Amino acid sequence: MQQGHPRYKQLSRADHEMYLHNMRKAEGVWTAIKNVMTGIRNSITADGHSIGSALGIDEQMSEPNVDYDNFDIKDIAADMFRNNAGIVNRK
């Protein structure tokens, strides 16, 4: 006894092959987009390096010399609420 359309298997396989084809196309498009973005990033980086070397600013900056043992931390809450700065009292 026949179940379903006789071409069901053929149509189902064609749908599956179309799905695979579309997935491969989409993967190729994403690869192309990533390649373009990488090329843009590399060209911007190269331009930045050439501009930096032309201006003489391509040396790495050293970190500031701070003695953290003698570093005083202000009491932020005291500064905020001194003389009720920024607070409106309504009575």
N, C-alpha and C. Protein backbone atom coordinates (compact mmCIF):
# COMPACT_ATOMS: atom_id res chain seq x y z
N MET A 1 0.84 -1.17 0.00
CA MET A 1 0.00 0.00 0.00
C MET A 1 0.89 1.24 0.00
N GLN A 2 0.53 2.17 -0.84
CA GLN A 2 1.31 3.40 -1.00
C GLN A 2 0.95 4.39 0.10
N GLN A 3 1.99 5.01 0.68
CA GLN A 3 1.74 6.02 1.71
C GLN A 3 2.38 7.33 1.25
N GLY A 4 1.59 8.35 1.17
CA GLY A 4 2.08 9.65 0.75
C GLY A 4 2.26 9.73 -0.75
N HIS A 5 2.74 10.86 -1.19
CA HIS A 5 2.95 11.10 -2.61
C HIS A 5 4.17 10.32 -3.08
N PRO A 6 4.13 9.75 -4.28
CA PRO A 6 5.26 8.96 -4.74
C PRO A 6 6.54 9.79 -4.89
N ARG A 7 6.41 11.09 -5.07
CA ARG A 7 7.60 11.93 -5.23
C ARG A 7 8.03 12.57 -3.91
N TYR A 8 7.44 12.14 -2.80
CA TYR A 8 7.74 12.76 -1.51
C TYR A 8 9.22 12.64 -1.16
N LYS A 9 9.79 11.45 -1.38
CA LYS A 9 11.19 11.23 -1.05
C LYS A 9 12.10 12.13 -1.90
N GLN A 10 11.76 12.26 -3.18
CA GLN A 10 12.55 13.09 -4.08
C GLN A 10 12.46 14.57 -3.67
N LEU A 11 11.24 15.02 -3.35
CA LEU A 11 11.05 16.42 -2.95
C LEU A 11 11.73 16.71 -1.62
N SER A 12 11.66 15.74 -0.70
CA SER A 12 12.30 15.93 0.60
C SER A 12 13.82 16.04 0.44
N ARG A 13 14.39 15.21 -0.42
CA ARG A 13 15.83 15.29 -0.65
C ARG A 13 16.21 16.60 -1.31
N ALA A 14 15.40 17.08 -2.25
CA ALA A 14 15.67 18.36 -2.91
C ALA A 14 15.63 19.51 -1.90
N ASP A 15 14.67 19.46 -0.98
CA ASP A 15 14.60 20.49 0.07
C ASP A 15 15.85 20.45 0.94
N HIS A 16 16.27 19.27 1.30
CA HIS A 16 17.46 19.14 2.14
C HIS A 16 18.71 19.65 1.42
N GLU A 17 18.84 19.32 0.14
CA GLU A 17 20.00 19.80 -0.63
C GLU A 17 19.97 21.31 -0.77
N MET A 18 18.79 21.89 -0.91
CA MET A 18 18.67 23.35 -0.99
C MET A 18 19.07 23.99 0.34
N TYR A 19 18.68 23.35 1.44
CA TYR A 19 19.07 23.84 2.77
C TYR A 19 20.58 23.84 2.91
N LEU A 20 21.22 22.73 2.51
CA LEU A 20 22.68 22.65 2.60
C LEU A 20 23.35 23.69 1.71
N HIS A 21 22.80 23.89 0.51
CA HIS A 21 23.34 24.88 -0.42
C HIS A 21 23.27 26.28 0.19
N ASN A 22 22.13 26.61 0.79
CA ASN A 22 21.97 27.93 1.40
C ASN A 22 22.91 28.11 2.59
N MET A 23 23.12 27.05 3.35
CA MET A 23 24.04 27.14 4.49
C MET A 23 25.47 27.40 3.99
N ARG A 24 25.88 26.72 2.92
CA ARG A 24 27.22 26.94 2.38
C ARG A 24 27.36 28.35 1.84
N LYS A 25 26.32 28.86 1.19
CA LYS A 25 26.35 30.23 0.68
C LYS A 25 26.47 31.22 1.83
N ALA A 26 25.68 31.03 2.87
CA ALA A 26 25.72 31.94 4.02
C ALA A 26 27.09 31.90 4.69
N GLU A 27 27.68 30.71 4.78
CA GLU A 27 29.01 30.59 5.37
C GLU A 27 30.03 31.34 4.53
N GLY A 28 29.90 31.27 3.22
CA GLY A 28 30.81 32.01 2.34
C GLY A 28 30.65 33.51 2.48
N VAL A 29 29.41 33.97 2.65
CA VAL A 29 29.16 35.40 2.82
C VAL A 29 29.78 35.89 4.12
N TRP A 30 29.61 35.12 5.21
CA TRP A 30 30.19 35.52 6.50
C TRP A 30 31.71 35.53 6.42
N THR A 31 32.28 34.57 5.72
CA THR A 31 33.73 34.55 5.56
C THR A 31 34.20 35.78 4.80
N ALA A 32 33.48 36.16 3.75
CA ALA A 32 33.84 37.35 2.98
C ALA A 32 33.73 38.61 3.84
N ILE A 33 32.68 38.71 4.64
CA ILE A 33 32.51 39.88 5.51
C ILE A 33 33.65 39.95 6.52
N LYS A 34 34.00 38.80 7.12
CA LYS A 34 35.10 38.80 8.09
C LYS A 34 36.41 39.19 7.42
N ASN A 35 36.64 38.73 6.19
CA ASN A 35 37.87 39.08 5.48
C ASN A 35 37.93 40.57 5.19
N VAL A 36 36.80 41.15 4.80
CA VAL A 36 36.76 42.60 4.53
C VAL A 36 37.04 43.38 5.80
N MET A 37 36.40 42.98 6.91
CA MET A 37 36.60 43.69 8.17
C MET A 37 38.04 43.56 8.64
N THR A 38 38.64 42.39 8.47
CA THR A 38 40.03 42.20 8.87
C THR A 38 40.94 43.07 8.01
N GLY A 39 40.66 43.15 6.72
CA GLY A 39 41.46 44.01 5.83
C GLY A 39 41.35 45.47 6.21
N ILE A 40 40.15 45.92 6.54
CA ILE A 40 39.96 47.32 6.96
C ILE A 40 40.74 47.57 8.25
N ARG A 41 40.63 46.65 9.22
CA ARG A 41 41.34 46.82 10.48
C ARG A 41 42.85 46.86 10.27
N ASN A 42 43.35 45.98 9.42
CA ASN A 42 44.79 45.96 9.16
C ASN A 42 45.27 47.24 8.49
N SER A 43 44.46 47.77 7.55
CA SER A 43 44.87 49.01 6.87
C SER A 43 44.82 50.19 7.84
N ILE A 44 43.82 50.23 8.72
CA ILE A 44 43.75 51.31 9.70
C ILE A 44 44.93 51.21 10.66
N THR A 45 45.27 50.01 11.08
CA THR A 45 46.41 49.82 11.98
C THR A 45 47.70 50.26 11.31
N ALA A 46 47.89 49.89 10.05
CA ALA A 46 49.10 50.28 9.33
C ALA A 46 49.16 51.80 9.18
N ASP A 47 48.03 52.43 8.85
CA ASP A 47 47.99 53.89 8.72
C ASP A 47 48.30 54.55 10.06
N GLY A 48 47.75 54.00 11.14
CA GLY A 48 48.01 54.56 12.46
C GLY A 48 49.47 54.47 12.83
N HIS A 49 50.09 53.33 12.51
CA HIS A 49 51.52 53.18 12.80
C HIS A 49 52.36 54.14 11.97
N SER A 50 52.01 54.32 10.71
CA SER A 50 52.80 55.22 9.87
C SER A 50 52.63 56.67 10.32
N ILE A 51 51.42 57.04 10.70
CA ILE A 51 51.20 58.41 11.21
C ILE A 51 51.95 58.60 12.52
N GLY A 52 51.87 57.60 13.39
CA GLY A 52 52.56 57.69 14.68
C GLY A 52 54.07 57.79 14.52
N SER A 53 54.62 57.02 13.60
CA SER A 53 56.08 57.08 13.41
C SER A 53 56.47 58.39 12.75
N ALA A 54 55.62 58.94 11.88
CA ALA A 54 55.93 60.23 11.25
C ALA A 54 55.91 61.35 12.28
N LEU A 55 55.02 61.25 13.25
CA LEU A 55 54.93 62.28 14.30
C LEU A 55 55.84 61.99 15.47
N GLY A 56 56.45 60.82 15.51
CA GLY A 56 57.37 60.48 16.57
C GLY A 56 56.68 60.12 17.87
N ILE A 57 55.48 59.59 17.78
CA ILE A 57 54.74 59.25 19.00
C ILE A 57 54.50 57.75 19.10
N ASP A 58 55.31 56.96 18.42
CA ASP A 58 55.08 55.53 18.44
C ASP A 58 55.79 54.84 19.60
N GLU A 59 56.52 55.59 20.46
CA GLU A 59 57.13 54.98 21.62
C GLU A 59 56.06 54.67 22.65
N GLN A 60 56.27 53.62 23.37
CA GLN A 60 55.31 53.25 24.41
C GLN A 60 55.48 54.17 25.61
N MET A 61 54.36 54.66 26.12
CA MET A 61 54.41 55.55 27.27
C MET A 61 54.61 54.72 28.54
N SER A 62 55.45 55.23 29.45
CA SER A 62 55.65 54.54 30.71
C SER A 62 54.53 54.90 31.66
N GLU A 63 54.28 54.02 32.61
CA GLU A 63 53.21 54.30 33.55
C GLU A 63 53.66 55.36 34.54
N PRO A 64 52.74 56.14 35.08
CA PRO A 64 53.12 57.22 35.98
C PRO A 64 53.78 56.68 37.25
N ASN A 65 54.69 57.45 37.77
CA ASN A 65 55.42 57.06 38.97
C ASN A 65 54.61 57.49 40.19
N VAL A 66 53.88 56.56 40.77
CA VAL A 66 53.03 56.86 41.92
C VAL A 66 53.44 55.95 43.06
N ASP A 67 53.65 56.56 44.23
CA ASP A 67 53.97 55.78 45.43
C ASP A 67 52.66 55.43 46.11
N TYR A 68 52.20 54.20 45.89
CA TYR A 68 50.88 53.80 46.39
C TYR A 68 50.87 53.60 47.91
N ASP A 69 52.05 53.47 48.54
CA ASP A 69 52.08 53.33 49.99
C ASP A 69 51.73 54.64 50.68
N ASN A 70 52.09 55.76 50.08
CA ASN A 70 51.80 57.07 50.67
C ASN A 70 50.61 57.76 49.99
N PHE A 71 49.81 57.00 49.29
CA PHE A 71 48.68 57.56 48.53
C PHE A 71 47.50 57.73 49.46
N ASP A 72 47.04 58.97 49.65
CA ASP A 72 45.91 59.25 50.54
C ASP A 72 44.61 59.13 49.77
N ILE A 73 43.69 58.40 50.34
CA ILE A 73 42.37 58.25 49.75
C ILE A 73 41.42 59.15 50.51
N LYS A 74 40.78 60.04 49.79
CA LYS A 74 39.86 60.97 50.42
C LYS A 74 38.58 60.23 50.80
N ASP A 75 37.96 60.75 51.81
CA ASP A 75 36.67 60.20 52.20
C ASP A 75 35.61 60.82 51.29
N ILE A 76 35.19 60.05 50.30
CA ILE A 76 34.28 60.57 49.29
C ILE A 76 32.94 60.95 49.89
N ALA A 77 32.47 60.15 50.83
CA ALA A 77 31.17 60.45 51.45
C ALA A 77 31.23 61.76 52.21
N ALA A 78 32.33 62.03 52.90
CA ALA A 78 32.46 63.28 53.63
C ALA A 78 32.47 64.45 52.67
N ASP A 79 33.15 64.32 51.54
CA ASP A 79 33.17 65.40 50.56
C ASP A 79 31.79 65.62 49.94
N MET A 80 31.07 64.53 49.73
CA MET A 80 29.75 64.66 49.10
C MET A 80 28.75 65.34 50.01
N PHE A 81 28.80 64.97 51.28
CA PHE A 81 27.75 65.45 52.17
C PHE A 81 28.20 66.59 53.07
N ARG A 82 29.40 67.14 52.83
CA ARG A 82 29.85 68.29 53.60
C ARG A 82 28.94 69.48 53.29
N ASN A 83 28.42 70.09 54.31
CA ASN A 83 27.52 71.23 54.19
C ASN A 83 26.29 70.89 53.34
N ASN A 84 25.92 69.62 53.33
CA ASN A 84 24.76 69.16 52.57
C ASN A 84 24.84 69.60 51.11
N ALA A 85 26.00 69.48 50.52
CA ALA A 85 26.18 69.88 49.12
C ALA A 85 25.33 69.02 48.21
N GLY A 86 24.52 69.65 47.45
CA GLY A 86 23.68 68.94 46.50
C GLY A 86 22.45 68.30 47.10
N ILE A 87 22.22 68.50 48.38
CA ILE A 87 21.04 67.90 49.02
C ILE A 87 20.12 69.04 49.45
N VAL A 88 18.89 68.94 49.07
CA VAL A 88 17.91 69.95 49.43
C VAL A 88 17.08 69.41 50.58
N ASN A 89 17.09 70.13 51.72
CA ASN A 89 16.27 69.72 52.86
C ASN A 89 14.95 70.47 52.82
N ARG A 90 13.89 69.75 52.79
CA ARG A 90 12.55 70.38 52.82
C ARG A 90 11.87 70.00 54.13
N LYS A 91 11.53 71.01 54.88
CA LYS A 91 10.84 70.77 56.16
C LYS A 91 9.51 71.45 56.19
